[in-house]
């Protein structure tokens, strides 16, 4: 038995009928008030979702800016502390150098006194 193979005209009619059926369904859905309400609800939900996303992104940007500012402040404080430490060390070194010079001067004065006393005894 030979199978029936549809010709071009039959295939074209079947395609046209299927397209018309889909178009009729779409028109019926568009005319349905419940579908319009659903579409409005979807649009409203999409708008709310977009608003939440925008708000979340703005909050993330604000948090990022706050953290960057905080990090910059901490770096400035660390730099200031390092400079203060460096100044303190420089002051300590200067004080130690001054003390060393004074000690050397005192030792030289004592040595000179001993030398002068020895000269005076002769």
Protein backbone atom coordinates (compact mmCIF):
# COMPACT_ATOMS: atom_id res chain seq x y z
CA UNK A 1 0.00 0.00 0.00
CA UNK A 2 1.28 3.36 -0.96
CA UNK A 3 1.22 6.19 1.57
CA UNK A 4 -0.46 9.42 0.66
CA UNK A 5 2.07 12.24 0.27
CA UNK A 6 0.49 15.70 0.42
CA UNK A 7 1.21 17.97 -2.45
CA UNK A 8 2.43 21.54 -2.32
CA UNK A 9 -1.08 23.04 -2.32
CA UNK A 10 -2.19 20.81 0.58
CA UNK A 11 0.90 21.70 2.63
CA UNK A 12 0.37 25.36 1.88
CA UNK A 13 -3.29 25.18 2.96
CA UNK A 14 -2.36 23.32 6.16
CA UNK A 15 0.27 25.95 6.98
CA UNK A 16 -2.16 28.77 6.28
CA UNK A 17 -4.82 27.14 8.47
CA UNK A 18 -2.33 26.66 11.34
CA UNK A 19 -1.22 30.29 11.10
CA UNK A 20 -4.83 31.47 11.05
CA UNK A 21 -5.64 29.33 14.10
CA UNK A 22 -2.69 30.83 16.00
CA UNK A 23 -3.73 34.32 14.93
CA UNK A 24 -7.31 33.71 16.10
CA UNK A 25 -6.05 32.46 19.47
CA UNK A 26 -3.84 35.53 19.86
CA UNK A 27 -6.72 37.87 18.98
CA UNK A 28 -9.00 36.07 21.44
CA UNK A 29 -6.33 36.37 24.16
CA UNK A 30 -5.88 40.07 23.38
CA UNK A 31 -9.60 40.72 23.62
CA UNK A 32 -9.90 38.82 26.94
CA UNK A 33 -10.10 41.27 29.91
CA UNK A 34 -8.50 38.71 32.25
CA UNK A 35 -5.49 38.48 29.94
CA UNK A 36 -5.28 42.29 29.91
CA UNK A 37 -5.30 42.27 33.72
CA UNK A 38 -2.59 39.62 33.78
CA UNK A 39 -0.52 41.65 31.35
CA UNK A 40 -0.97 44.77 33.49
CA UNK A 41 0.05 42.78 36.58
CA UNK A 42 3.14 41.51 34.77
CA UNK A 43 4.07 45.04 33.71
CA UNK A 44 3.59 46.28 37.27
CA UNK A 45 5.74 43.43 38.65
CA UNK A 46 8.43 44.14 36.06
CA UNK A 47 8.41 47.85 36.98
CA UNK A 48 8.68 46.99 40.69
CA UNK A 49 11.50 44.53 39.98
CA UNK A 50 13.34 47.19 37.97
CA UNK A 51 12.87 49.70 40.80
CA UNK A 52 14.19 47.22 43.38
CA UNK A 53 17.17 46.41 41.17
CA UNK A 54 17.93 50.10 40.67
CA UNK A 55 17.61 50.74 44.41
CA UNK A 56 19.87 47.78 45.21
CA UNK A 57 22.50 48.93 42.74
CA UNK A 58 22.39 52.47 44.16
CA UNK A 59 22.84 51.05 47.66
CA UNK A 60 25.77 48.94 46.46
CA UNK A 61 27.39 51.99 44.85
CA UNK A 62 26.88 54.00 48.05
CA UNK A 63 28.38 51.18 50.13
CA UNK A 64 31.33 50.92 47.77
CA UNK A 65 31.91 54.67 47.98
CA UNK A 66 31.64 54.56 51.79
CA UNK A 67 34.18 51.73 51.97
CA UNK A 68 36.55 53.57 49.62
CA UNK A 69 36.27 56.70 51.76
CA UNK A 70 36.84 54.66 54.91
CA UNK A 71 39.86 52.95 53.36
CA UNK A 72 41.29 56.33 52.28
CA UNK A 73 40.78 57.67 55.80
CA UNK A 74 42.53 54.64 57.30
CA UNK A 75 45.42 55.05 54.88
CA UNK A 76 45.71 58.74 55.79
CA UNK A 77 45.69 57.85 59.49
CA UNK A 78 48.32 55.17 58.91
CA UNK A 79 50.47 57.66 56.97
CA UNK A 80 50.10 60.24 59.74
CA UNK A 81 51.00 57.64 62.37
CA UNK A 82 54.05 56.58 60.35
CA UNK A 83 55.16 60.20 60.00
CA UNK A 84 54.67 60.78 63.73
CA UNK A 85 56.69 57.64 64.50
CA UNK A 86 59.41 58.78 62.13
CA UNK A 87 59.48 62.23 63.75
CA UNK A 88 59.61 60.62 67.20
CA UNK A 89 62.53 58.43 66.15
CA UNK A 90 64.30 61.44 64.64
CA UNK A 91 63.75 63.38 67.87
CA UNK A 92 65.05 60.45 69.92
CA UNK A 93 68.09 60.19 67.66
CA UNK A 94 68.72 63.93 67.98
CA UNK A 95 68.35 63.71 71.77
CA UNK A 96 70.71 60.72 71.89
CA UNK A 97 73.22 62.58 69.71
CA UNK A 98 72.97 65.63 71.97
CA UNK A 99 73.46 63.45 75.04
CA UNK A 100 76.46 61.77 73.41
CA UNK A 101 78.01 65.13 72.55
CA UNK A 102 77.40 66.41 76.11
CA UNK A 103 78.91 63.22 77.55
CA UNK A 104 81.96 63.56 75.31
CA UNK A 105 82.28 67.21 76.31
CA UNK A 106 82.05 66.30 80.02
CA UNK A 107 84.62 63.53 79.58
CA UNK A 108 86.95 65.92 77.72
CA UNK A 109 86.51 68.51 80.47
CA UNK A 110 87.41 65.91 83.13
CA UNK A 111 90.41 64.78 81.10
CA UNK A 112 91.53 68.37 80.63
CA UNK A 113 91.16 68.95 84.40
CA UNK A 114 93.29 65.90 85.16
CA UNK A 115 95.86 67.00 82.59
CA UNK A 116 95.89 70.54 84.04
CA UNK A 117 96.20 69.12 87.59
CA UNK A 118 99.11 66.93 86.50
CA UNK A 119 100.80 69.94 84.85
CA UNK A 120 100.22 72.01 87.99
CA UNK A 121 101.90 69.36 90.19
CA UNK A 122 105.11 69.45 88.13
